[in-house]
Amino acid sequence: MNQELLEKKLRSIGKEIFVEYFEEFRDLNVDREELSKKLLKDNPKAISLDAQKTRISNARKIFELKMEKEALENIVKSDRLKDNIREKAKRIANTIINV
């Protein structure tokens, strides 16, 4: 996945959502249906269960391709996000070990 496609996926997910639900997206043991319901309930801007499933699929694709650190670095550089979200992304990125 190139940087352009990564940016597209992050926009589809929502960069703030990617950071806030990072662990849930990463953990494949978290049921997709339950996570979809949680995202729909927790986010006032969320519109449908199917849209949340698409969001989850896009997020999990980033993990499948081992691009989560690049995604977090992209988010840290985004000046449209709140400082606390960028700081959280930086903290998470610093815990990821490149293999």
N, C-alpha and C. Protein backbone atom coordinates (compact mmCIF):
# COMPACT_ATOMS: atom_id res chain seq x y z
N MET A 1 0.86 -1.17 0.00
CA MET A 1 0.00 0.00 0.00
C MET A 1 0.90 1.23 0.00
N ASN A 2 0.67 2.12 -0.94
CA ASN A 2 1.47 3.34 -0.98
C ASN A 2 0.87 4.40 -0.05
N GLN A 3 1.57 5.51 0.11
CA GLN A 3 1.14 6.57 1.03
C GLN A 3 -0.20 7.18 0.63
N GLU A 4 -0.44 7.27 -0.67
CA GLU A 4 -1.71 7.84 -1.15
C GLU A 4 -2.89 6.96 -0.75
N LEU A 5 -2.74 5.66 -0.92
CA LEU A 5 -3.81 4.73 -0.54
C LEU A 5 -3.97 4.69 0.99
N LEU A 6 -2.86 4.77 1.71
CA LEU A 6 -2.92 4.81 3.17
C LEU A 6 -3.71 6.03 3.62
N GLU A 7 -3.43 7.18 3.03
CA GLU A 7 -4.15 8.41 3.38
C GLU A 7 -5.64 8.25 3.09
N LYS A 8 -5.97 7.63 1.97
CA LYS A 8 -7.37 7.42 1.60
C LYS A 8 -8.07 6.53 2.63
N LYS A 9 -7.39 5.46 3.04
CA LYS A 9 -7.97 4.55 4.04
C LYS A 9 -8.15 5.27 5.38
N LEU A 10 -7.15 6.07 5.77
CA LEU A 10 -7.25 6.80 7.03
C LEU A 10 -8.40 7.80 7.01
N ARG A 11 -8.60 8.45 5.88
CA ARG A 11 -9.72 9.38 5.76
C ARG A 11 -11.05 8.64 5.84
N SER A 12 -11.10 7.46 5.25
CA SER A 12 -12.31 6.64 5.29
C SER A 12 -12.64 6.20 6.72
N ILE A 13 -11.61 5.84 7.46
CA ILE A 13 -11.78 5.41 8.84
C ILE A 13 -12.07 6.61 9.74
N GLY A 14 -11.33 7.68 9.49
CA GLY A 14 -11.31 8.84 10.38
C GLY A 14 -10.04 8.71 11.21
N LYS A 15 -9.15 9.67 11.08
CA LYS A 15 -7.86 9.56 11.78
C LYS A 15 -8.03 9.52 13.29
N GLU A 16 -8.94 10.34 13.80
CA GLU A 16 -9.18 10.34 15.24
C GLU A 16 -9.74 8.98 15.69
N ILE A 17 -10.65 8.43 14.92
CA ILE A 17 -11.23 7.11 15.24
C ILE A 17 -10.14 6.03 15.21
N PHE A 18 -9.23 6.11 14.23
CA PHE A 18 -8.15 5.12 14.14
C PHE A 18 -7.33 5.13 15.43
N VAL A 19 -7.04 6.31 15.94
CA VAL A 19 -6.25 6.42 17.17
C VAL A 19 -7.07 5.95 18.38
N GLU A 20 -8.30 6.45 18.50
CA GLU A 20 -9.12 6.13 19.67
C GLU A 20 -9.46 4.64 19.78
N TYR A 21 -9.59 3.97 18.66
CA TYR A 21 -9.97 2.55 18.66
C TYR A 21 -8.84 1.66 18.15
N PHE A 22 -7.63 2.15 18.26
CA PHE A 22 -6.45 1.45 17.73
C PHE A 22 -6.40 -0.01 18.21
N GLU A 23 -6.52 -0.21 19.50
CA GLU A 23 -6.41 -1.57 20.07
C GLU A 23 -7.53 -2.48 19.59
N GLU A 24 -8.75 -1.94 19.51
CA GLU A 24 -9.88 -2.75 19.05
C GLU A 24 -9.72 -3.14 17.58
N PHE A 25 -9.22 -2.21 16.77
CA PHE A 25 -8.99 -2.52 15.36
C PHE A 25 -7.89 -3.57 15.22
N ARG A 26 -6.86 -3.45 16.04
CA ARG A 26 -5.71 -4.36 15.94
C ARG A 26 -6.05 -5.77 16.40
N ASP A 27 -6.88 -5.88 17.41
CA ASP A 27 -7.20 -7.18 18.01
C ASP A 27 -8.26 -7.91 17.18
N LEU A 28 -7.83 -8.92 16.45
CA LEU A 28 -8.76 -9.67 15.59
C LEU A 28 -9.74 -10.52 16.39
N ASN A 29 -9.50 -10.66 17.70
CA ASN A 29 -10.45 -11.38 18.55
C ASN A 29 -11.67 -10.53 18.90
N VAL A 30 -11.56 -9.22 18.68
CA VAL A 30 -12.71 -8.34 18.91
C VAL A 30 -13.69 -8.57 17.77
N ASP A 31 -14.89 -8.97 18.12
CA ASP A 31 -15.92 -9.29 17.13
C ASP A 31 -16.28 -8.06 16.30
N ARG A 32 -16.27 -8.24 14.99
CA ARG A 32 -16.54 -7.15 14.05
C ARG A 32 -17.94 -6.56 14.25
N GLU A 33 -18.90 -7.41 14.48
CA GLU A 33 -20.29 -6.97 14.68
C GLU A 33 -20.41 -6.12 15.95
N GLU A 34 -19.81 -6.61 17.03
CA GLU A 34 -19.87 -5.87 18.30
C GLU A 34 -19.13 -4.54 18.20
N LEU A 35 -17.98 -4.56 17.55
CA LEU A 35 -17.22 -3.32 17.37
C LEU A 35 -17.99 -2.34 16.51
N SER A 36 -18.67 -2.83 15.49
CA SER A 36 -19.51 -1.97 14.64
C SER A 36 -20.57 -1.26 15.46
N LYS A 37 -21.22 -2.02 16.33
CA LYS A 37 -22.27 -1.45 17.19
C LYS A 37 -21.68 -0.41 18.15
N LYS A 38 -20.51 -0.72 18.69
CA LYS A 38 -19.85 0.22 19.62
C LYS A 38 -19.49 1.52 18.90
N LEU A 39 -18.92 1.41 17.71
CA LEU A 39 -18.57 2.61 16.94
C LEU A 39 -19.81 3.44 16.62
N LEU A 40 -20.88 2.78 16.25
CA LEU A 40 -22.12 3.48 15.91
C LEU A 40 -22.68 4.20 17.15
N LYS A 41 -22.63 3.54 18.28
CA LYS A 41 -23.15 4.10 19.53
C LYS A 41 -22.28 5.25 20.04
N ASP A 42 -20.96 5.09 19.97
CA ASP A 42 -20.03 6.06 20.56
C ASP A 42 -19.83 7.32 19.72
N ASN A 43 -20.14 7.26 18.45
CA ASN A 43 -19.82 8.38 17.55
C ASN A 43 -21.08 9.01 16.97
N PRO A 44 -21.40 10.23 17.42
CA PRO A 44 -22.61 10.89 16.95
C PRO A 44 -22.66 11.11 15.44
N LYS A 45 -21.51 11.19 14.80
CA LYS A 45 -21.47 11.42 13.35
C LYS A 45 -21.60 10.12 12.55
N ALA A 46 -21.52 8.98 13.24
CA ALA A 46 -21.63 7.69 12.56
C ALA A 46 -23.05 7.52 12.03
N ILE A 47 -23.15 6.99 10.80
CA ILE A 47 -24.47 6.96 10.16
C ILE A 47 -25.13 5.58 10.07
N SER A 48 -24.35 4.53 9.93
CA SER A 48 -24.97 3.20 9.79
C SER A 48 -24.02 2.11 10.24
N LEU A 49 -24.59 0.96 10.53
CA LEU A 49 -23.80 -0.19 10.93
C LEU A 49 -22.89 -0.63 9.78
N ASP A 50 -23.40 -0.62 8.57
CA ASP A 50 -22.58 -1.00 7.41
C ASP A 50 -21.39 -0.07 7.23
N ALA A 51 -21.59 1.22 7.47
CA ALA A 51 -20.48 2.18 7.36
C ALA A 51 -19.40 1.88 8.40
N GLN A 52 -19.82 1.43 9.58
CA GLN A 52 -18.85 1.09 10.63
C GLN A 52 -18.09 -0.18 10.26
N LYS A 53 -18.76 -1.11 9.61
CA LYS A 53 -18.09 -2.33 9.16
C LYS A 53 -17.05 -2.01 8.10
N THR A 54 -17.36 -1.06 7.23
CA THR A 54 -16.39 -0.61 6.22
C THR A 54 -15.19 0.03 6.91
N ARG A 55 -15.48 0.85 7.91
CA ARG A 55 -14.42 1.50 8.69
C ARG A 55 -13.50 0.45 9.32
N ILE A 56 -14.07 -0.58 9.89
CA ILE A 56 -13.30 -1.65 10.53
C ILE A 56 -12.46 -2.40 9.49
N SER A 57 -13.05 -2.71 8.36
CA SER A 57 -12.32 -3.41 7.29
C SER A 57 -11.12 -2.60 6.83
N ASN A 58 -11.31 -1.30 6.65
CA ASN A 58 -10.20 -0.44 6.23
C ASN A 58 -9.10 -0.39 7.29
N ALA A 59 -9.50 -0.29 8.54
CA ALA A 59 -8.52 -0.24 9.63
C ALA A 59 -7.75 -1.55 9.73
N ARG A 60 -8.46 -2.65 9.66
CA ARG A 60 -7.79 -3.95 9.78
C ARG A 60 -6.89 -4.25 8.59
N LYS A 61 -7.21 -3.68 7.44
CA LYS A 61 -6.34 -3.84 6.26
C LYS A 61 -4.99 -3.17 6.53
N ILE A 62 -4.99 -2.04 7.20
CA ILE A 62 -3.74 -1.35 7.55
C ILE A 62 -2.89 -2.26 8.43
N PHE A 63 -3.51 -2.93 9.40
CA PHE A 63 -2.77 -3.85 10.27
C PHE A 63 -2.31 -5.08 9.50
N GLU A 64 -3.16 -5.59 8.64
CA GLU A 64 -2.82 -6.77 7.83
C GLU A 64 -1.56 -6.50 7.00
N LEU A 65 -1.45 -5.29 6.48
CA LEU A 65 -0.30 -4.91 5.65
C LEU A 65 0.86 -4.36 6.48
N LYS A 66 0.73 -4.42 7.81
CA LYS A 66 1.78 -3.97 8.73
C LYS A 66 2.15 -2.50 8.50
N MET A 67 1.13 -1.68 8.28
CA MET A 67 1.37 -0.25 8.03
C MET A 67 0.84 0.63 9.16
N GLU A 68 0.58 0.03 10.32
CA GLU A 68 0.03 0.81 11.42
C GLU A 68 0.96 1.91 11.90
N LYS A 69 2.27 1.64 11.91
CA LYS A 69 3.21 2.68 12.35
C LYS A 69 3.22 3.84 11.36
N GLU A 70 3.20 3.54 10.06
CA GLU A 70 3.14 4.59 9.05
C GLU A 70 1.85 5.39 9.19
N ALA A 71 0.76 4.69 9.49
CA ALA A 71 -0.53 5.36 9.67
C ALA A 71 -0.46 6.33 10.86
N LEU A 72 0.13 5.87 11.96
CA LEU A 72 0.25 6.73 13.14
C LEU A 72 1.17 7.92 12.86
N GLU A 73 2.25 7.69 12.13
CA GLU A 73 3.15 8.79 11.78
C GLU A 73 2.43 9.81 10.90
N ASN A 74 1.60 9.34 10.00
CA ASN A 74 0.77 10.22 9.17
C ASN A 74 -0.13 11.08 10.06
N ILE A 75 -0.74 10.46 11.04
CA ILE A 75 -1.66 11.15 11.95
C ILE A 75 -0.92 12.18 12.78
N VAL A 76 0.26 11.83 13.28
CA VAL A 76 1.06 12.77 14.08
C VAL A 76 1.37 14.04 13.28
N LYS A 77 1.59 13.89 11.98
CA LYS A 77 1.92 15.04 11.13
C LYS A 77 0.71 15.86 10.71
N SER A 78 -0.49 15.36 10.97
CA SER A 78 -1.71 16.04 10.53
C SER A 78 -2.01 17.24 11.43
N ASP A 79 -2.00 18.43 10.85
CA ASP A 79 -2.25 19.61 11.68
C ASP A 79 -3.73 19.94 11.81
N ARG A 80 -4.60 19.12 11.27
CA ARG A 80 -6.04 19.34 11.41
C ARG A 80 -6.61 18.65 12.65
N LEU A 81 -5.80 17.81 13.27
CA LEU A 81 -6.27 17.07 14.43
C LEU A 81 -5.91 17.79 15.72
N LYS A 82 -6.67 17.48 16.76
CA LYS A 82 -6.39 18.05 18.07
C LYS A 82 -5.04 17.53 18.56
N ASP A 83 -4.37 18.37 19.36
CA ASP A 83 -3.06 18.00 19.89
C ASP A 83 -3.10 16.70 20.69
N ASN A 84 -4.16 16.51 21.48
CA ASN A 84 -4.22 15.30 22.31
C ASN A 84 -4.30 14.03 21.46
N ILE A 85 -4.95 14.10 20.31
CA ILE A 85 -5.04 12.93 19.41
C ILE A 85 -3.67 12.67 18.79
N ARG A 86 -3.00 13.73 18.36
CA ARG A 86 -1.66 13.56 17.77
C ARG A 86 -0.68 13.03 18.81
N GLU A 87 -0.79 13.51 20.04
CA GLU A 87 0.09 13.01 21.12
C GLU A 87 -0.17 11.54 21.41
N LYS A 88 -1.43 11.16 21.44
CA LYS A 88 -1.78 9.75 21.68
C LYS A 88 -1.24 8.89 20.54
N ALA A 89 -1.36 9.36 19.31
CA ALA A 89 -0.82 8.62 18.15
C ALA A 89 0.69 8.46 18.29
N LYS A 90 1.36 9.51 18.74
CA LYS A 90 2.81 9.45 18.92
C LYS A 90 3.18 8.43 20.00
N ARG A 91 2.44 8.44 21.11
CA ARG A 91 2.71 7.47 22.19
C ARG A 91 2.53 6.04 21.70
N ILE A 92 1.46 5.80 20.97
CA ILE A 92 1.21 4.45 20.44
C ILE A 92 2.32 4.06 19.47
N ALA A 93 2.68 4.97 18.57
CA ALA A 93 3.72 4.68 17.57
C ALA A 93 5.04 4.33 18.25
N ASN A 94 5.34 4.99 19.35
CA ASN A 94 6.59 4.74 20.06
C ASN A 94 6.63 3.36 20.73
N THR A 95 5.46 2.74 20.89
CA THR A 95 5.43 1.40 21.50
C THR A 95 5.52 0.29 20.46
N ILE A 96 5.37 0.65 19.19
CA ILE A 96 5.40 -0.36 18.12
C ILE A 96 6.85 -0.66 17.76
N ILE A 97 7.17 -1.94 17.78
CA ILE A 97 8.52 -2.37 17.43
C ILE A 97 8.52 -2.85 15.99
N ASN A 98 9.42 -2.28 15.20
CA ASN A 98 9.54 -2.73 13.80
C ASN A 98 10.22 -4.09 13.78
N VAL A 99 9.62 -5.02 13.08
CA VAL A 99 10.18 -6.37 12.99
C VAL A 99 10.73 -6.60 11.60
